[in-house]
Amino acid sequence: RSWGARSYAVLWVGIVASPSTFIQGGALLNLGLSWWEALLAQLLASLVTVVVLIANALAGARYGIPFPVYARAAFGVQGAKIIAVVRGIIAMGWLSINLYVGA
């Protein structure tokens, strides 16, 4: 497994190109920002997202281990279970929001 800049870029676009992102862009225009200010705000938010994403994924991409495996090193076996549940709840919530907005 070797992730390069292209792999991270494709993942980033897949994460930030969602119905809620388009709604957020429209809301920024509705708040009075010009189109280029709204685009800049979205770009900056996306860059913050990609930095956090890469920081979270770097160990998995570098060593070929999934998140739950290296979460055990930081949180222990029981703590990693809690982190996995919290991560699942966040994923279900985000999916629900995107499905609601996209429907």
PDB file of N, CA and C in Angstrom:
ATOM      1  N   ARG A   1       0.839  -1.180   0.000  1.00  0.00           N
ATOM      2  CA  ARG A   1       0.000   0.000   0.000  1.00  0.00           C
ATOM      3  C   ARG A   1       0.879   1.237   0.000  1.00  0.00           C
ATOM      4  N   SER A   2       0.715   2.008  -1.012  1.00  0.00           N
ATOM      5  CA  SER A   2       1.481   3.254  -1.049  1.00  0.00           C
ATOM      6  C   SER A   2       0.551   4.370  -1.495  1.00  0.00           C
ATOM      7  N   TRP A   3       0.260   5.225  -0.565  1.00  0.00           N
ATOM      8  CA  TRP A   3      -0.580   6.376  -0.851  1.00  0.00           C
ATOM      9  C   TRP A   3       0.310   7.557  -1.189  1.00  0.00           C
ATOM     10  N   GLY A   4      -0.009   8.173  -2.303  1.00  0.00           N
ATOM     11  CA  GLY A   4       0.700   9.373  -2.691  1.00  0.00           C
ATOM     12  C   GLY A   4      -0.228  10.574  -2.617  1.00  0.00           C
ATOM     13  N   ALA A   5       0.228  11.667  -3.157  1.00  0.00           N
ATOM     14  CA  ALA A   5      -0.562  12.896  -3.124  1.00  0.00           C
ATOM     15  C   ALA A   5      -1.889  12.718  -3.865  1.00  0.00           C
ATOM     16  N   ARG A   6      -1.866  11.974  -4.962  1.00  0.00           N
ATOM     17  CA  ARG A   6      -3.103  11.760  -5.734  1.00  0.00           C
ATOM     18  C   ARG A   6      -4.135  10.988  -4.922  1.00  0.00           C
ATOM     19  N   SER A   7      -3.712   9.981  -4.202  1.00  0.00           N
ATOM     20  CA  SER A   7      -4.637   9.188  -3.396  1.00  0.00           C
ATOM     21  C   SER A   7      -5.293  10.041  -2.317  1.00  0.00           C
ATOM     22  N   TYR A   8      -4.482  10.863  -1.651  1.00  0.00           N
ATOM     23  CA  TYR A   8      -5.046  11.742  -0.622  1.00  0.00           C
ATOM     24  C   TYR A   8      -5.975  12.791  -1.239  1.00  0.00           C
ATOM     25  N   ALA A   9      -5.622  13.296  -2.412  1.00  0.00           N
ATOM     26  CA  ALA A   9      -6.466  14.295  -3.065  1.00  0.00           C
ATOM     27  C   ALA A   9      -7.817  13.707  -3.463  1.00  0.00           C
ATOM     28  N   VAL A  10      -7.823  12.483  -3.984  1.00  0.00           N
ATOM     29  CA  VAL A  10      -9.074  11.831  -4.365  1.00  0.00           C
ATOM     30  C   VAL A  10      -9.944  11.601  -3.133  1.00  0.00           C
ATOM     31  N   LEU A  11      -9.337  11.163  -2.037  1.00  0.00           N
ATOM     32  CA  LEU A  11     -10.084  10.960  -0.796  1.00  0.00           C
ATOM     33  C   LEU A  11     -10.641  12.279  -0.284  1.00  0.00           C
ATOM     34  N   TRP A  12      -9.843  13.332  -0.351  1.00  0.00           N
ATOM     35  CA  TRP A  12     -10.273  14.646   0.112  1.00  0.00           C
ATOM     36  C   TRP A  12     -11.474  15.151  -0.684  1.00  0.00           C
ATOM     37  N   VAL A  13     -11.407  15.046  -1.999  1.00  0.00           N
ATOM     38  CA  VAL A  13     -12.533  15.483  -2.834  1.00  0.00           C
ATOM     39  C   VAL A  13     -13.771  14.658  -2.532  1.00  0.00           C
ATOM     40  N   GLY A  14     -13.596  13.362  -2.314  1.00  0.00           N
ATOM     41  CA  GLY A  14     -14.725  12.508  -1.977  1.00  0.00           C
ATOM     42  C   GLY A  14     -15.389  12.901  -0.669  1.00  0.00           C
ATOM     43  N   ILE A  15     -14.615  13.404   0.261  1.00  0.00           N
ATOM     44  CA  ILE A  15     -15.171  13.802   1.552  1.00  0.00           C
ATOM     45  C   ILE A  15     -15.818  15.180   1.482  1.00  0.00           C
ATOM     46  N   VAL A  16     -15.183  16.131   0.824  1.00  0.00           N
ATOM     47  CA  VAL A  16     -15.704  17.503   0.847  1.00  0.00           C
ATOM     48  C   VAL A  16     -16.754  17.773  -0.225  1.00  0.00           C
ATOM     49  N   ALA A  17     -16.886  16.924  -1.213  1.00  0.00           N
ATOM     50  CA  ALA A  17     -17.912  17.121  -2.249  1.00  0.00           C
ATOM     51  C   ALA A  17     -19.159  16.353  -1.849  1.00  0.00           C
ATOM     52  N   SER A  18     -19.952  16.954  -0.981  1.00  0.00           N
ATOM     53  CA  SER A  18     -21.168  16.320  -0.484  1.00  0.00           C
ATOM     54  C   SER A  18     -22.320  17.323  -0.546  1.00  0.00           C
ATOM     55  N   PRO A  19     -23.559  16.841  -0.461  1.00  0.00           N
ATOM     56  CA  PRO A  19     -24.697  17.763  -0.519  1.00  0.00           C
ATOM     57  C   PRO A  19     -24.637  18.860   0.547  1.00  0.00           C
ATOM     58  N   SER A  20     -24.183  18.519   1.744  1.00  0.00           N
ATOM     59  CA  SER A  20     -24.135  19.533   2.796  1.00  0.00           C
ATOM     60  C   SER A  20     -23.088  20.608   2.509  1.00  0.00           C
ATOM     61  N   THR A  21     -22.033  20.272   1.795  1.00  0.00           N
ATOM     62  CA  THR A  21     -21.037  21.272   1.409  1.00  0.00           C
ATOM     63  C   THR A  21     -21.633  22.255   0.415  1.00  0.00           C
ATOM     64  N   PHE A  22     -22.429  21.752  -0.521  1.00  0.00           N
ATOM     65  CA  PHE A  22     -23.070  22.647  -1.482  1.00  0.00           C
ATOM     66  C   PHE A  22     -24.089  23.555  -0.798  1.00  0.00           C
ATOM     67  N   ILE A  23     -24.816  23.008   0.163  1.00  0.00           N
ATOM     68  CA  ILE A  23     -25.778  23.819   0.931  1.00  0.00           C
ATOM     69  C   ILE A  23     -25.036  24.890   1.724  1.00  0.00           C
ATOM     70  N   GLN A  24     -23.905  24.527   2.304  1.00  0.00           N
ATOM     71  CA  GLN A  24     -23.121  25.488   3.073  1.00  0.00           C
ATOM     72  C   GLN A  24     -22.641  26.630   2.171  1.00  0.00           C
ATOM     73  N   GLY A  25     -22.214  26.288   0.955  1.00  0.00           N
ATOM     74  CA  GLY A  25     -21.806  27.337   0.021  1.00  0.00           C
ATOM     75  C   GLY A  25     -22.949  28.284  -0.293  1.00  0.00           C
ATOM     76  N   GLY A  26     -24.133  27.743  -0.517  1.00  0.00           N
ATOM     77  CA  GLY A  26     -25.305  28.588  -0.759  1.00  0.00           C
ATOM     78  C   GLY A  26     -25.659  29.440   0.445  1.00  0.00           C
ATOM     79  N   ALA A  27     -25.509  28.875   1.635  1.00  0.00           N
ATOM     80  CA  ALA A  27     -25.803  29.630   2.853  1.00  0.00           C
ATOM     81  C   ALA A  27     -24.825  30.784   3.031  1.00  0.00           C
ATOM     82  N   LEU A  28     -23.564  30.563   2.667  1.00  0.00           N
ATOM     83  CA  LEU A  28     -22.587  31.653   2.750  1.00  0.00           C
ATOM     84  C   LEU A  28     -22.946  32.786   1.798  1.00  0.00           C
ATOM     85  N   LEU A  29     -23.433  32.440   0.619  1.00  0.00           N
ATOM     86  CA  LEU A  29     -23.887  33.477  -0.315  1.00  0.00           C
ATOM     87  C   LEU A  29     -25.101  34.214   0.248  1.00  0.00           C
ATOM     88  N   ASN A  30     -25.984  33.462   0.887  1.00  0.00           N
ATOM     89  CA  ASN A  30     -27.181  34.056   1.479  1.00  0.00           C
ATOM     90  C   ASN A  30     -26.837  34.988   2.643  1.00  0.00           C
ATOM     91  N   LEU A  31     -25.726  34.735   3.314  1.00  0.00           N
ATOM     92  CA  LEU A  31     -25.304  35.587   4.423  1.00  0.00           C
ATOM     93  C   LEU A  31     -24.659  36.883   3.946  1.00  0.00           C
ATOM     94  N   GLY A  32     -24.478  37.009   2.639  1.00  0.00           N
ATOM     95  CA  GLY A  32     -23.959  38.255   2.107  1.00  0.00           C
ATOM     96  C   GLY A  32     -22.535  38.193   1.591  1.00  0.00           C
ATOM     97  N   LEU A  33     -21.899  37.051   1.636  1.00  0.00           N
ATOM     98  CA  LEU A  33     -20.558  36.927   1.078  1.00  0.00           C
ATOM     99  C   LEU A  33     -20.652  36.918  -0.439  1.00  0.00           C
ATOM    100  N   SER A  34     -19.636  37.457  -1.080  1.00  0.00           N
ATOM    101  CA  SER A  34     -19.594  37.372  -2.535  1.00  0.00           C
ATOM    102  C   SER A  34     -19.224  35.938  -2.917  1.00  0.00           C
ATOM    103  N   TRP A  35     -19.336  35.609  -4.202  1.00  0.00           N
ATOM    104  CA  TRP A  35     -19.065  34.236  -4.619  1.00  0.00           C
ATOM    105  C   TRP A  35     -17.631  33.845  -4.350  1.00  0.00           C
ATOM    106  N   TRP A  36     -16.682  34.779  -4.503  1.00  0.00           N
ATOM    107  CA  TRP A  36     -15.286  34.431  -4.287  1.00  0.00           C
ATOM    108  C   TRP A  36     -14.956  34.339  -2.800  1.00  0.00           C
ATOM    109  N   GLU A  37     -15.636  35.129  -1.952  1.00  0.00           N
ATOM    110  CA  GLU A  37     -15.436  35.002  -0.501  1.00  0.00           C
ATOM    111  C   GLU A  37     -15.989  33.670   0.008  1.00  0.00           C
ATOM    112  N   ALA A  38     -17.155  33.280  -0.522  1.00  0.00           N
ATOM    113  CA  ALA A  38     -17.737  31.985  -0.140  1.00  0.00           C
ATOM    114  C   ALA A  38     -16.844  30.848  -0.611  1.00  0.00           C
ATOM    115  N   LEU A  39     -16.314  30.962  -1.814  1.00  0.00           N
ATOM    116  CA  LEU A  39     -15.409  29.940  -2.341  1.00  0.00           C
ATOM    117  C   LEU A  39     -14.137  29.859  -1.503  1.00  0.00           C
ATOM    118  N   LEU A  40     -13.594  30.999  -1.115  1.00  0.00           N
ATOM    119  CA  LEU A  40     -12.396  31.032  -0.278  1.00  0.00           C
ATOM    120  C   LEU A  40     -12.677  30.412   1.095  1.00  0.00           C
ATOM    121  N   ALA A  41     -13.834  30.729   1.681  1.00  0.00           N
ATOM    122  CA  ALA A  41     -14.197  30.147   2.980  1.00  0.00           C
ATOM    123  C   ALA A  41     -14.320  28.629   2.877  1.00  0.00           C
ATOM    124  N   GLN A  42     -14.962  28.147   1.808  1.00  0.00           N
ATOM    125  CA  GLN A  42     -15.097  26.705   1.608  1.00  0.00           C
ATOM    126  C   GLN A  42     -13.730  26.056   1.398  1.00  0.00           C
ATOM    127  N   LEU A  43     -12.871  26.709   0.637  1.00  0.00           N
ATOM    128  CA  LEU A  43     -11.534  26.182   0.388  1.00  0.00           C
ATOM    129  C   LEU A  43     -10.726  26.095   1.676  1.00  0.00           C
ATOM    130  N   LEU A  44     -10.779  27.136   2.493  1.00  0.00           N
ATOM    131  CA  LEU A  44     -10.047  27.113   3.758  1.00  0.00           C
ATOM    132  C   LEU A  44     -10.586  26.028   4.686  1.00  0.00           C
ATOM    133  N   ALA A  45     -11.900  25.888   4.748  1.00  0.00           N
ATOM    134  CA  ALA A  45     -12.490  24.833   5.574  1.00  0.00           C
ATOM    135  C   ALA A  45     -12.090  23.453   5.058  1.00  0.00           C
ATOM    136  N   SER A  46     -12.037  23.299   3.755  1.00  0.00           N
ATOM    137  CA  SER A  46     -11.631  22.027   3.172  1.00  0.00           C
ATOM    138  C   SER A  46     -10.168  21.727   3.446  1.00  0.00           C
ATOM    139  N   LEU A  47      -9.330  22.748   3.434  1.00  0.00           N
ATOM    140  CA  LEU A  47      -7.917  22.542   3.731  1.00  0.00           C
ATOM    141  C   LEU A  47      -7.712  22.128   5.185  1.00  0.00           C
ATOM    142  N   VAL A  48      -8.465  22.736   6.099  1.00  0.00           N
ATOM    143  CA  VAL A  48      -8.400  22.317   7.501  1.00  0.00           C
ATOM    144  C   VAL A  48      -8.833  20.857   7.624  1.00  0.00           C
ATOM    145  N   THR A  49      -9.897  20.500   6.906  1.00  0.00           N
ATOM    146  CA  THR A  49     -10.381  19.116   6.927  1.00  0.00           C
ATOM    147  C   THR A  49      -9.322  18.156   6.414  1.00  0.00           C
ATOM    148  N   VAL A  50      -8.650  18.505   5.338  1.00  0.00           N
ATOM    149  CA  VAL A  50      -7.660  17.591   4.764  1.00  0.00           C
ATOM    150  C   VAL A  50      -6.434  17.453   5.665  1.00  0.00           C
ATOM    151  N   VAL A  51      -6.062  18.498   6.365  1.00  0.00           N
ATOM    152  CA  VAL A  51      -4.933  18.396   7.290  1.00  0.00           C
ATOM    153  C   VAL A  51      -5.257  17.416   8.413  1.00  0.00           C
ATOM    154  N   VAL A  52      -6.455  17.532   8.977  1.00  0.00           N
ATOM    155  CA  VAL A  52      -6.872  16.606  10.033  1.00  0.00           C
ATOM    156  C   VAL A  52      -7.001  15.194   9.482  1.00  0.00           C
ATOM    157  N   LEU A  53      -7.552  15.066   8.289  1.00  0.00           N
ATOM    158  CA  LEU A  53      -7.702  13.755   7.656  1.00  0.00           C
ATOM    159  C   LEU A  53      -6.353  13.074   7.449  1.00  0.00           C
ATOM    160  N   ILE A  54      -5.393  13.799   6.925  1.00  0.00           N
ATOM    161  CA  ILE A  54      -4.076  13.219   6.681  1.00  0.00           C
ATOM    162  C   ILE A  54      -3.385  12.876   7.996  1.00  0.00           C
ATOM    163  N   ALA A  55      -3.521  13.728   9.006  1.00  0.00           N
ATOM    164  CA  ALA A  55      -2.921  13.418  10.305  1.00  0.00           C
ATOM    165  C   ALA A  55      -3.502  12.132  10.883  1.00  0.00           C
ATOM    166  N   ASN A  56      -4.803  11.932  10.686  1.00  0.00           N
ATOM    167  CA  ASN A  56      -5.462  10.728  11.198  1.00  0.00           C
ATOM    168  C   ASN A  56      -5.082   9.494  10.385  1.00  0.00           C
ATOM    169  N   ALA A  57      -4.892   9.648   9.093  1.00  0.00           N
ATOM    170  CA  ALA A  57      -4.672   8.503   8.210  1.00  0.00           C
ATOM    171  C   ALA A  57      -3.199   8.176   7.991  1.00  0.00           C
ATOM    172  N   LEU A  58      -2.313   9.032   8.424  1.00  0.00           N
ATOM    173  CA  LEU A  58      -0.900   8.859   8.092  1.00  0.00           C
ATOM    174  C   LEU A  58      -0.319   7.546   8.619  1.00  0.00           C
ATOM    175  N   ALA A  59      -0.616   7.205   9.857  1.00  0.00           N
ATOM    176  CA  ALA A  59      -0.061   5.971  10.417  1.00  0.00           C
ATOM    177  C   ALA A  59      -0.589   4.753   9.665  1.00  0.00           C
ATOM    178  N   GLY A  60      -1.875   4.756   9.346  1.00  0.00           N
ATOM    179  CA  GLY A  60      -2.446   3.637   8.609  1.00  0.00           C
ATOM    180  C   GLY A  60      -1.862   3.497   7.221  1.00  0.00           C
ATOM    181  N   ALA A  61      -1.665   4.612   6.559  1.00  0.00           N
ATOM    182  CA  ALA A  61      -1.100   4.573   5.208  1.00  0.00           C
ATOM    183  C   ALA A  61       0.378   4.195   5.241  1.00  0.00           C
ATOM    184  N   ARG A  62       1.091   4.664   6.238  1.00  0.00           N
ATOM    185  CA  ARG A  62       2.530   4.409   6.316  1.00  0.00           C
ATOM    186  C   ARG A  62       2.835   2.971   6.721  1.00  0.00           C
ATOM    187  N   TYR A  63       2.092   2.458   7.710  1.00  0.00           N
ATOM    188  CA  TYR A  63       2.403   1.128   8.251  1.00  0.00           C
ATOM    189  C   TYR A  63       1.418   0.052   7.826  1.00  0.00           C
ATOM    190  N   GLY A  64       0.370   0.435   7.113  1.00  0.00           N
ATOM    191  CA  GLY A  64      -0.590  -0.542   6.620  1.00  0.00           C
ATOM    192  C   GLY A  64      -1.488  -1.123   7.694  1.00  0.00           C
ATOM    193  N   ILE A  65      -1.747  -0.345   8.734  1.00  0.00           N
ATOM    194  CA  ILE A  65      -2.620  -0.831   9.805  1.00  0.00           C
ATOM    195  C   ILE A  65      -3.882   0.016   9.856  1.00  0.00           C
ATOM    196  N   PRO A  66      -5.026  -0.580  10.187  1.00  0.00           N
ATOM    197  CA  PRO A  66      -6.260   0.188  10.273  1.00  0.00           C
ATOM    198  C   PRO A  66      -6.314   1.024  11.554  1.00  0.00           C
ATOM    199  N   PHE A  67      -7.235   1.968  11.577  1.00  0.00           N
ATOM    200  CA  PHE A  67      -7.368   2.875  12.720  1.00  0.00           C
ATOM    201  C   PHE A  67      -7.552   2.142  14.053  1.00  0.00           C
ATOM    202  N   PRO A  68      -8.425   1.123  14.139  1.00  0.00           N
ATOM    203  CA  PRO A  68      -8.599   0.473  15.445  1.00  0.00           C
ATOM    204  C   PRO A  68      -7.318  -0.132  16.008  1.00  0.00           C
ATOM    205  N   VAL A  69      -6.425  -0.563  15.146  1.00  0.00           N
ATOM    206  CA  VAL A  69      -5.176  -1.166  15.622  1.00  0.00           C
ATOM    207  C   VAL A  69      -4.292  -0.121  16.283  1.00  0.00           C
ATOM    208  N   TYR A  70      -4.113   1.029  15.634  1.00  0.00           N
ATOM    209  CA  TYR A  70      -3.252   2.014  16.278  1.00  0.00           C
ATOM    210  C   TYR A  70      -3.978   2.835  17.324  1.00  0.00           C
ATOM    211  N   ALA A  71      -5.301   2.755  17.388  1.00  0.00           N
ATOM    212  CA  ALA A  71      -6.026   3.387  18.498  1.00  0.00           C
ATOM    213  C   ALA A  71      -5.753   2.641  19.803  1.00  0.00           C
ATOM    214  N   ARG A  72      -5.490   1.343  19.710  1.00  0.00           N
ATOM    215  CA  ARG A  72      -5.173   0.560  20.915  1.00  0.00           C
ATOM    216  C   ARG A  72      -3.906   1.064  21.578  1.00  0.00           C
ATOM    217  N   ALA A  73      -2.950   1.507  20.789  1.00  0.00           N
ATOM    218  CA  ALA A  73      -1.696   2.002  21.355  1.00  0.00           C
ATOM    219  C   ALA A  73      -1.930   3.270  22.179  1.00  0.00           C
ATOM    220  N   ALA A  74      -2.852   4.101  21.734  1.00  0.00           N
ATOM    221  CA  ALA A  74      -3.115   5.353  22.440  1.00  0.00           C
ATOM    222  C   ALA A  74      -4.128   5.204  23.571  1.00  0.00           C
ATOM    223  N   PHE A  75      -5.148   4.355  23.369  1.00  0.00           N
ATOM    224  CA  PHE A  75      -6.261   4.301  24.317  1.00  0.00           C
ATOM    225  C   PHE A  75      -6.403   2.960  25.030  1.00  0.00           C
ATOM    226  N   GLY A  76      -5.601   1.968  24.674  1.00  0.00           N
ATOM    227  CA  GLY A  76      -5.747   0.640  25.254  1.00  0.00           C
ATOM    228  C   GLY A  76      -6.873  -0.116  24.558  1.00  0.00           C
ATOM    229  N   VAL A  77      -7.033  -1.377  24.932  1.00  0.00           N
ATOM    230  CA  VAL A  77      -8.032  -2.210  24.266  1.00  0.00           C
ATOM    231  C   VAL A  77      -9.442  -1.704  24.543  1.00  0.00           C
ATOM    232  N   GLN A  78      -9.761  -1.414  25.798  1.00  0.00           N
ATOM    233  CA  GLN A  78     -11.114  -0.948  26.132  1.00  0.00           C
ATOM    234  C   GLN A  78     -11.368   0.462  25.594  1.00  0.00           C
ATOM    235  N   GLY A  79     -10.377   1.318  25.663  1.00  0.00           N
ATOM    236  CA  GLY A  79     -10.530   2.670  25.136  1.00  0.00           C
ATOM    237  C   GLY A  79     -10.726   2.681  23.628  1.00  0.00           C
ATOM    238  N   ALA A  80     -10.061   1.770  22.934  1.00  0.00           N
ATOM    239  CA  ALA A  80     -10.209   1.687  21.482  1.00  0.00           C
ATOM    240  C   ALA A  80     -11.621   1.265  21.098  1.00  0.00           C
ATOM    241  N   LYS A  81     -12.244   0.448  21.934  1.00  0.00           N
ATOM    242  CA  LYS A  81     -13.636   0.066  21.671  1.00  0.00           C
ATOM    243  C   LYS A  81     -14.556   1.280  21.779  1.00  0.00           C
ATOM    244  N   ILE A  82     -14.315   2.114  22.770  1.00  0.00           N
ATOM    245  CA  ILE A  82     -15.118   3.340  22.925  1.00  0.00           C
ATOM    246  C   ILE A  82     -14.913   4.262  21.738  1.00  0.00           C
ATOM    247  N   ILE A  83     -13.668   4.423  21.335  1.00  0.00           N
ATOM    248  CA  ILE A  83     -13.358   5.277  20.181  1.00  0.00           C
ATOM    249  C   ILE A  83     -14.031   4.742  18.924  1.00  0.00           C
ATOM    250  N   ALA A  84     -14.038   3.427  18.745  1.00  0.00           N
ATOM    251  CA  ALA A  84     -14.675   2.829  17.566  1.00  0.00           C
ATOM    252  C   ALA A  84     -16.176   3.090  17.566  1.00  0.00           C
ATOM    253  N   VAL A  85     -16.811   3.000  18.721  1.00  0.00           N
ATOM    254  CA  VAL A  85     -18.256   3.272  18.815  1.00  0.00           C
ATOM    255  C   VAL A  85     -18.532   4.744  18.528  1.00  0.00           C
ATOM    256  N   VAL A  86     -17.744   5.626  19.109  1.00  0.00           N
ATOM    257  CA  VAL A  86     -17.930   7.072  18.872  1.00  0.00           C
ATOM    258  C   VAL A  86     -17.744   7.387  17.397  1.00  0.00           C
ATOM    259  N   ARG A  87     -16.741   6.784  16.785  1.00  0.00           N
ATOM    260  CA  ARG A  87     -16.500   7.003  15.357  1.00  0.00           C
ATOM    261  C   ARG A  87     -17.666   6.502  14.509  1.00  0.00           C
ATOM    262  N   GLY A  88     -18.238   5.368  14.892  1.00  0.00           N
ATOM    263  CA  GLY A  88     -19.408   4.843  14.182  1.00  0.00           C
ATOM    264  C   GLY A  88     -20.619   5.744  14.317  1.00  0.00           C
ATOM    265  N   ILE A  89     -20.843   6.285  15.513  1.00  0.00           N
ATOM    266  CA  ILE A  89     -21.971   7.203  15.727  1.00  0.00           C
ATOM    267  C   ILE A  89     -21.799   8.464  14.891  1.00  0.00           C
ATOM    268  N   ILE A  90     -20.591   8.992  14.853  1.00  0.00           N
ATOM    269  CA  ILE A  90     -20.321  10.185  14.035  1.00  0.00           C
ATOM    270  C   ILE A  90     -20.574   9.881  12.564  1.00  0.00           C
ATOM    271  N   ALA A  91     -20.138   8.721  12.093  1.00  0.00           N
ATOM    272  CA  ALA A  91     -20.342   8.350  10.693  1.00  0.00           C
ATOM    273  C   ALA A  91     -21.830   8.216  10.370  1.00  0.00           C
ATOM    274  N   MET A  92     -22.597   7.606  11.275  1.00  0.00           N
ATOM    275  CA  MET A  92     -24.041   7.477  11.043  1.00  0.00           C
ATOM    276  C   MET A  92     -24.723   8.840  11.042  1.00  0.00           C
ATOM    277  N   GLY A  93     -24.290   9.710  11.939  1.00  0.00           N
ATOM    278  CA  GLY A  93     -24.862  11.063  11.970  1.00  0.00           C
ATOM    279  C   GLY A  93     -24.560  11.835  10.704  1.00  0.00           C
ATOM    280  N   TRP A  94     -23.322  11.769  10.240  1.00  0.00           N
ATOM    281  CA  TRP A  94     -22.943  12.485   9.027  1.00  0.00           C
ATOM    282  C   TRP A  94     -23.670  11.930   7.811  1.00  0.00           C
ATOM    283  N   LEU A  95     -23.785  10.609   7.733  1.00  0.00           N
ATOM    284  CA  LEU A  95     -24.535   9.998   6.642  1.00  0.00           C
ATOM    285  C   LEU A  95     -25.993  10.434   6.687  1.00  0.00           C
ATOM    286  N   SER A  96     -26.574  10.480   7.865  1.00  0.00           N
ATOM    287  CA  SER A  96     -27.976  10.891   8.005  1.00  0.00           C
ATOM    288  C   SER A  96     -28.188  12.328   7.537  1.00  0.00           C
ATOM    289  N   ILE A  97     -27.264  13.210   7.916  1.00  0.00           N
ATOM    290  CA  ILE A  97     -27.366  14.607   7.499  1.00  0.00           C
ATOM    291  C   ILE A  97     -27.291  14.708   5.980  1.00  0.00           C
ATOM    292  N   ASN A  98     -26.315  14.028   5.387  1.00  0.00           N
ATOM    293  CA  ASN A  98     -26.163  14.087   3.933  1.00  0.00           C
ATOM    294  C   ASN A  98     -27.348  13.471   3.206  1.00  0.00           C
ATOM    295  N   LEU A  99     -27.907  12.391   3.737  1.00  0.00           N
ATOM    296  CA  LEU A  99     -29.087  11.801   3.109  1.00  0.00           C
ATOM    297  C   LEU A  99     -30.288  12.728   3.214  1.00  0.00           C
ATOM    298  N   TYR A 100     -30.447  13.384   4.349  1.00  0.00           N
ATOM    299  CA  TYR A 100     -31.566  14.304   4.525  1.00  0.00           C
ATOM    300  C   TYR A 100     -31.420  15.502   3.575  1.00  0.00           C
ATOM    301  N   VAL A 101     -30.241  16.073   3.527  1.00  0.00           N
ATOM    302  CA  VAL A 101     -30.008  17.246   2.682  1.00  0.00           C
ATOM    303  C   VAL A 101     -30.126  16.866   1.213  1.00  0.00           C
ATOM    304  N   GLY A 102     -29.634  15.701   0.848  1.00  0.00           N
ATOM    305  CA  GLY A 102     -29.638  15.286  -0.550  1.00  0.00           C
ATOM    306  C   GLY A 102     -30.973  14.779  -1.054  1.00  0.00           C
ATOM    307  N   ALA A 103     -31.894  14.486  -0.138  1.00  0.00           N
ATOM    308  CA  ALA A 103     -33.186  13.904  -0.559  1.00  0.00           C
ATOM    309  C   ALA A 103     -34.163  14.932  -1.074  1.00  0.00           C
TER     310      ALA A 103
END
